[in-house]
Amino acid sequence: MVFYRSVSLLSKLRNRAVQQGSLSNSVRWLQVQASSDLDIRSHLKELIPEQQERLKKIKSEYGKVQLGNITVDMVLGGMRGMTGLLWETSLLDPDEGIRFRGLSIPECQKVLPAVKPGGEPLPEGLLWLLLTGKVPSKEQVDALSSELRSRATIPDHVYKAIDALPITAHPMTQFTTGVMALQVQSEFSKAYENGIHKSKYWEPTFEDSLSLIAQVPAVAAYIYRRIYKNGEIIPANNSLDYGGNFAHMLGFESPEMQELMRLYVTIHSDHEGGNVSAHTGHLVSVYIRKKLLLLLLLLYNYSY
């Protein structure tokens, strides 16, 4: 439902981007990836220790600094107006709209790699931007697309779990069941049971996150086709990118629809830290053993 209601809005965004022309002077900051390394994990291996030290320094130097006053209205309003989370990947401005690592949607349309010149940004490019803070090259995005494809296989037991539900079950009930069934593959659960050090939590968390990102389109498309298309499932097309392949598995083959899906997935990839899903994720993250279930909870909250 949300997807179809968004079509007209996406059209307006694209028209706005065309009218903007050159955006080079309006970009607040922009660091184009200079490294030739195509593996996103190796970039994170360098960045994360730096960020861990940065957070330690912030806590030690500013841990007692007050961020403002809290009123009863704020508490009753569900923390409305309160600063409660540290979130750097995106910011929702009431006037400008959302920015991803400082870049507006039209700016992302201009600088992120696309399938064709002037096309919509690839979701893989935004994922790289969110994780590293840098705009990737086309080669790096292609490598990430390949990595996601290699992780996209869905075990048979996931489909069996979904099929055990009546077809009349709410799509989100079916989706939750499917993602829950993927939890048995969790790398974090295995690492935690083996006593992984806290400083290394990010490594299996990254593995689970990337695998879940890769597998979610196939699960969602399976449920859509099961409910609305008489269960006629369309297999993945490994020649397509993430957004294009999702449109294909849903049953939309036109290049225009694939472009629309690329933009749709890109601009819905993050929604700052003050929303319900991000807040819920932080609250329940103390239950550390089930990281994949935490990711499921985030997906569930974000979808509504």
Protein backbone atom coordinates (compact mmCIF):
# COMPACT_ATOMS: atom_id res chain seq x y z
CA MET A 1 0.00 0.00 0.00
CA VAL A 2 2.70 2.44 1.04
CA PHE A 3 4.63 1.59 -2.11
CA TYR A 4 1.81 2.51 -4.47
CA ARG A 5 1.00 5.68 -2.54
CA SER A 6 4.63 6.67 -2.96
CA VAL A 7 4.67 6.49 -6.77
CA SER A 8 3.35 10.02 -7.26
CA LEU A 9 5.75 11.39 -4.65
CA LEU A 10 8.74 9.73 -6.33
CA SER A 11 7.69 11.25 -9.66
CA LYS A 12 7.73 14.70 -8.07
CA LEU A 13 11.16 14.04 -6.56
CA ARG A 14 12.58 13.04 -9.92
CA ASN A 15 11.16 16.14 -11.58
CA ARG A 16 12.66 18.26 -8.83
CA ALA A 17 16.06 16.65 -9.38
CA VAL A 18 15.93 17.42 -13.10
CA GLN A 19 15.05 21.03 -12.41
CA GLN A 20 17.88 21.41 -9.89
CA GLY A 21 20.60 21.06 -12.53
CA SER A 22 24.09 21.07 -11.05
CA LEU A 23 24.11 20.41 -7.33
CA SER A 24 27.85 20.53 -6.77
CA ASN A 25 27.68 23.84 -4.92
CA SER A 26 24.88 22.73 -2.62
CA VAL A 27 26.45 19.53 -1.31
CA ARG A 28 27.39 20.15 2.31
CA TRP A 29 30.13 17.56 2.26
CA LEU A 30 31.13 14.87 -0.13
CA GLN A 31 33.97 12.40 0.06
CA VAL A 32 34.26 10.23 -3.02
CA GLN A 33 35.76 6.82 -2.32
CA ALA A 34 39.37 6.89 -3.45
CA SER A 35 40.39 3.40 -2.42
CA SER A 36 40.49 0.69 -5.06
CA ASP A 37 39.42 -1.91 -2.48
CA LEU A 38 36.06 -3.33 -3.54
CA ASP A 39 35.32 -5.20 -0.30
CA ILE A 40 33.10 -3.14 2.01
CA ARG A 41 34.05 -5.29 5.00
CA SER A 42 37.70 -4.28 4.71
CA HIS A 43 36.68 -0.62 4.78
CA LEU A 44 34.61 -1.18 7.90
CA LYS A 45 37.49 -3.05 9.52
CA GLU A 46 39.48 0.18 9.28
CA LEU A 47 36.66 2.55 10.19
CA ILE A 48 35.01 0.80 13.14
CA PRO A 49 38.00 0.82 15.55
CA GLU A 50 38.30 4.56 14.89
CA GLN A 51 34.63 5.06 15.68
CA GLN A 52 34.87 2.90 18.80
CA GLU A 53 37.68 5.13 20.10
CA ARG A 54 35.74 8.24 19.12
CA LEU A 55 32.71 7.14 21.13
CA LYS A 56 34.89 6.33 24.13
CA LYS A 57 36.38 9.83 23.94
CA ILE A 58 32.95 11.47 23.66
CA LYS A 59 31.75 9.53 26.68
CA SER A 60 34.80 10.34 28.80
CA GLU A 61 34.93 14.04 27.90
CA TYR A 62 31.24 14.89 27.60
CA GLY A 63 29.49 12.14 29.57
CA LYS A 64 28.15 14.55 32.19
CA VAL A 65 27.03 17.28 29.76
CA GLN A 66 23.28 17.94 29.87
CA LEU A 67 21.42 17.93 26.56
CA GLY A 68 18.32 19.79 27.75
CA ASN A 69 15.34 19.73 30.07
CA ILE A 70 12.72 16.99 30.10
CA THR A 71 9.08 17.89 30.68
CA VAL A 72 6.09 15.74 31.55
CA ASP A 73 4.62 16.49 28.11
CA MET A 74 7.72 15.01 26.46
CA VAL A 75 7.44 11.82 28.49
CA LEU A 76 3.71 11.42 27.88
CA GLY A 77 4.25 12.17 24.20
CA GLY A 78 6.64 9.24 23.76
CA MET A 79 9.90 11.22 24.07
CA ARG A 80 8.66 13.78 21.58
CA GLY A 81 11.19 16.60 21.28
CA MET A 82 13.80 14.83 23.41
CA THR A 83 17.35 14.08 22.30
CA GLY A 84 17.57 10.39 23.01
CA LEU A 85 19.76 8.68 20.39
CA LEU A 86 23.08 9.17 18.63
CA TRP A 87 22.41 8.74 14.90
CA GLU A 88 24.71 9.89 12.11
CA THR A 89 23.57 8.08 8.99
CA SER A 90 20.58 10.32 8.25
CA LEU A 91 18.79 13.41 9.46
CA LEU A 92 15.20 14.39 8.82
CA ASP A 93 14.88 18.16 8.48
CA PRO A 94 11.35 19.64 8.62
CA ASP A 95 12.15 22.04 5.77
CA GLU A 96 14.72 20.26 3.58
CA GLY A 97 13.53 16.69 4.04
CA ILE A 98 15.84 13.79 4.73
CA ARG A 99 19.61 13.82 4.23
CA PHE A 100 21.74 10.68 4.07
CA ARG A 101 25.22 11.36 5.43
CA GLY A 102 24.62 15.01 4.61
CA LEU A 103 23.26 14.43 1.10
CA SER A 104 19.69 15.29 0.13
CA ILE A 105 17.67 12.97 -2.11
CA PRO A 106 18.36 15.06 -5.26
CA GLU A 107 22.05 15.09 -4.36
CA CYS A 108 22.06 11.31 -3.93
CA GLN A 109 20.39 11.04 -7.33
CA LYS A 110 23.25 13.04 -8.79
CA VAL A 111 26.33 11.50 -7.15
CA LEU A 112 25.50 7.86 -6.39
CA PRO A 113 26.22 5.28 -9.12
CA ALA A 114 23.32 4.20 -11.33
CA VAL A 115 22.69 1.46 -13.89
CA LYS A 116 22.82 4.02 -16.69
CA PRO A 117 23.92 7.66 -16.91
CA GLY A 118 21.25 9.90 -15.44
CA GLY A 119 19.41 6.94 -13.94
CA GLU A 120 18.17 6.48 -10.40
CA PRO A 121 20.74 5.66 -7.70
CA LEU A 122 21.39 2.03 -6.87
CA PRO A 123 20.37 1.03 -3.31
CA GLU A 124 23.74 -0.71 -2.97
CA GLY A 125 25.38 2.69 -3.38
CA LEU A 126 23.37 4.19 -0.55
CA LEU A 127 24.15 1.19 1.66
CA TRP A 128 27.87 1.82 1.07
CA LEU A 129 27.38 5.53 1.82
CA LEU A 130 25.49 4.84 5.06
CA LEU A 131 28.06 2.33 6.32
CA THR A 132 31.26 4.17 5.37
CA GLY A 133 30.26 7.83 5.04
CA LYS A 134 31.76 7.87 1.55
CA VAL A 135 30.28 7.92 -1.94
CA PRO A 136 31.33 4.67 -3.64
CA SER A 137 32.63 4.15 -7.15
CA LYS A 138 30.58 2.18 -9.66
CA GLU A 139 33.05 -0.70 -9.31
CA GLN A 140 32.53 -0.81 -5.55
CA VAL A 141 28.76 -0.79 -5.98
CA ASP A 142 28.95 -3.60 -8.53
CA ALA A 143 31.08 -5.62 -6.10
CA LEU A 144 28.54 -5.06 -3.33
CA SER A 145 25.72 -6.12 -5.69
CA SER A 146 27.62 -9.33 -6.38
CA GLU A 147 28.16 -9.88 -2.65
CA LEU A 148 24.45 -9.48 -1.96
CA ARG A 149 23.55 -11.88 -4.76
CA SER A 150 25.89 -14.50 -3.26
CA ARG A 151 24.00 -14.25 0.05
CA ALA A 152 20.45 -14.18 -1.35
CA THR A 153 19.63 -17.91 -1.34
CA ILE A 154 16.67 -18.73 0.89
CA PRO A 155 16.69 -22.12 2.70
CA ASP A 156 13.69 -24.35 1.99
CA HIS A 157 12.59 -24.32 5.62
CA VAL A 158 11.84 -20.59 5.35
CA TYR A 159 9.33 -21.15 2.55
CA LYS A 160 7.83 -24.09 4.44
CA ALA A 161 7.37 -21.89 7.52
CA ILE A 162 5.55 -19.26 5.44
CA ASP A 163 3.44 -21.88 3.65
CA ALA A 164 2.32 -23.25 7.01
CA LEU A 165 0.32 -20.04 7.47
CA PRO A 166 -3.05 -19.53 5.80
CA ILE A 167 -2.84 -17.38 2.69
CA THR A 168 -5.21 -14.95 4.40
CA ALA A 169 -2.62 -14.17 7.10
CA HIS A 170 -1.51 -10.55 7.11
CA PRO A 171 1.54 -9.98 4.85
CA MET A 172 3.55 -8.74 7.83
CA THR A 173 2.68 -11.88 9.80
CA GLN A 174 4.03 -13.95 6.92
CA PHE A 175 7.06 -11.70 6.57
CA THR A 176 7.84 -11.91 10.28
CA THR A 177 7.59 -15.70 10.13
CA GLY A 178 9.94 -15.86 7.15
CA VAL A 179 12.61 -13.66 8.69
CA MET A 180 12.31 -15.44 12.04
CA ALA A 181 13.01 -18.69 10.20
CA LEU A 182 16.23 -17.17 8.83
CA GLN A 183 17.50 -16.71 12.39
CA VAL A 184 18.81 -20.26 12.55
CA GLN A 185 21.63 -19.12 10.25
CA SER A 186 22.70 -16.27 12.54
CA GLU A 187 26.45 -15.81 12.72
CA PHE A 188 26.11 -13.57 15.76
CA SER A 189 24.35 -16.23 17.81
CA LYS A 190 27.14 -18.71 17.06
CA ALA A 191 29.87 -16.17 17.85
CA TYR A 192 28.17 -15.10 21.08
CA GLU A 193 27.88 -18.69 22.27
CA ASN A 194 31.61 -19.09 21.57
CA GLY A 195 32.46 -16.09 23.77
CA ILE A 196 33.29 -13.42 21.19
CA HIS A 197 34.81 -10.24 22.69
CA LYS A 198 32.53 -7.21 22.79
CA SER A 199 34.88 -5.19 20.58
CA LYS A 200 34.31 -7.76 17.83
CA TYR A 201 30.50 -7.82 18.01
CA TRP A 202 30.36 -5.77 14.83
CA GLU A 203 31.83 -8.58 12.71
CA PRO A 204 29.07 -11.22 13.05
CA THR A 205 26.51 -8.40 13.25
CA PHE A 206 27.73 -7.21 9.86
CA GLU A 207 27.47 -10.75 8.48
CA ASP A 208 23.90 -11.15 9.72
CA SER A 209 22.89 -7.70 8.52
CA LEU A 210 24.29 -8.10 5.01
CA SER A 211 22.76 -11.56 4.65
CA LEU A 212 19.37 -10.33 5.83
CA ILE A 213 19.50 -7.35 3.47
CA ALA A 214 20.28 -9.78 0.65
CA GLN A 215 17.47 -12.21 1.54
CA VAL A 216 14.61 -9.84 2.39
CA PRO A 217 13.58 -9.07 -1.24
CA ALA A 218 13.11 -12.76 -2.07
CA VAL A 219 11.05 -13.34 1.08
CA ALA A 220 8.91 -10.25 0.45
CA ALA A 221 8.39 -11.12 -3.23
CA TYR A 222 7.46 -14.70 -2.34
CA ILE A 223 4.77 -13.47 0.05
CA TYR A 224 3.45 -10.91 -2.46
CA ARG A 225 3.17 -13.52 -5.22
CA ARG A 226 1.67 -16.04 -2.78
CA ILE A 227 -1.12 -13.68 -1.74
CA TYR A 228 -1.84 -11.71 -4.89
CA LYS A 229 -0.57 -13.79 -7.84
CA ASN A 230 -1.85 -17.30 -7.10
CA GLY A 231 1.51 -18.41 -5.76
CA GLU A 232 3.23 -18.11 -9.15
CA ILE A 233 6.76 -17.45 -7.93
CA ILE A 234 9.33 -15.70 -10.13
CA PRO A 235 12.95 -16.78 -9.55
CA ALA A 236 15.70 -14.21 -9.13
CA ASN A 237 17.52 -12.81 -12.16
CA ASN A 238 21.18 -12.68 -11.18
CA SER A 239 22.00 -10.30 -14.01
CA LEU A 240 20.02 -7.55 -12.26
CA ASP A 241 20.97 -5.26 -9.39
CA TYR A 242 19.27 -5.30 -5.97
CA GLY A 243 16.36 -2.96 -6.77
CA GLY A 244 15.89 -4.18 -10.34
CA ASN A 245 15.81 -7.80 -9.21
CA PHE A 246 13.26 -7.02 -6.49
CA ALA A 247 10.95 -5.47 -9.09
CA HIS A 248 11.52 -8.51 -11.33
CA MET A 249 10.63 -11.00 -8.56
CA LEU A 250 7.48 -9.02 -7.78
CA GLY A 251 6.49 -9.34 -11.45
CA PHE A 252 7.34 -5.87 -12.82
CA GLU A 253 9.58 -6.20 -15.86
CA SER A 254 9.52 -2.73 -17.39
CA PRO A 255 12.75 -0.70 -17.15
CA GLU A 256 10.72 2.21 -15.77
CA MET A 257 9.41 0.10 -12.90
CA GLN A 258 12.89 -1.18 -12.13
CA GLU A 259 14.16 2.39 -12.00
CA LEU A 260 11.30 3.35 -9.72
CA MET A 261 12.12 0.46 -7.38
CA ARG A 262 15.78 1.50 -7.23
CA LEU A 263 14.77 4.98 -6.13
CA TYR A 264 12.08 3.71 -3.76
CA VAL A 265 14.41 1.32 -1.94
CA THR A 266 17.19 3.94 -1.85
CA ILE A 267 15.18 6.68 -0.19
CA HIS A 268 13.58 4.27 2.30
CA SER A 269 16.90 2.77 3.42
CA ASP A 270 17.22 4.93 6.53
CA HIS A 271 14.96 7.29 8.43
CA GLU A 272 17.09 8.96 11.12
CA GLY A 273 17.26 7.74 14.70
CA GLY A 274 14.23 9.34 16.26
CA ASN A 275 11.60 7.06 14.76
CA VAL A 276 9.84 4.15 16.39
CA SER A 277 11.92 1.39 14.78
CA ALA A 278 15.32 2.89 15.69
CA HIS A 279 14.18 3.66 19.23
CA THR A 280 12.77 0.17 19.70
CA GLY A 281 16.00 -1.36 18.40
CA HIS A 282 18.09 0.55 20.93
CA LEU A 283 15.77 -0.40 23.79
CA VAL A 284 15.81 -4.13 23.10
CA SER A 285 19.47 -4.37 22.05
CA VAL A 286 20.33 -5.17 25.68
CA TYR A 287 19.07 -8.65 24.84
CA ILE A 288 22.27 -9.12 22.98
CA ARG A 289 22.20 -12.79 21.99
CA LYS A 290 19.56 -12.52 19.27
CA LYS A 291 20.88 -9.86 16.91
CA LEU A 292 18.95 -11.21 13.94
CA LEU A 293 15.73 -11.07 15.94
CA LEU A 294 16.58 -7.45 16.77
CA LEU A 295 16.96 -6.73 13.06
CA LEU A 296 13.58 -8.37 12.49
CA LEU A 297 12.01 -6.11 15.11
CA LEU A 298 13.50 -3.07 13.37
CA LEU A 299 12.11 -4.23 10.03
CA TYR A 300 8.69 -4.89 11.53
CA ASN A 301 8.44 -1.46 13.17
CA TYR A 302 9.78 0.35 10.11
CA SER A 303 7.27 -1.31 7.79
CA TYR A 304 4.31 0.23 9.57
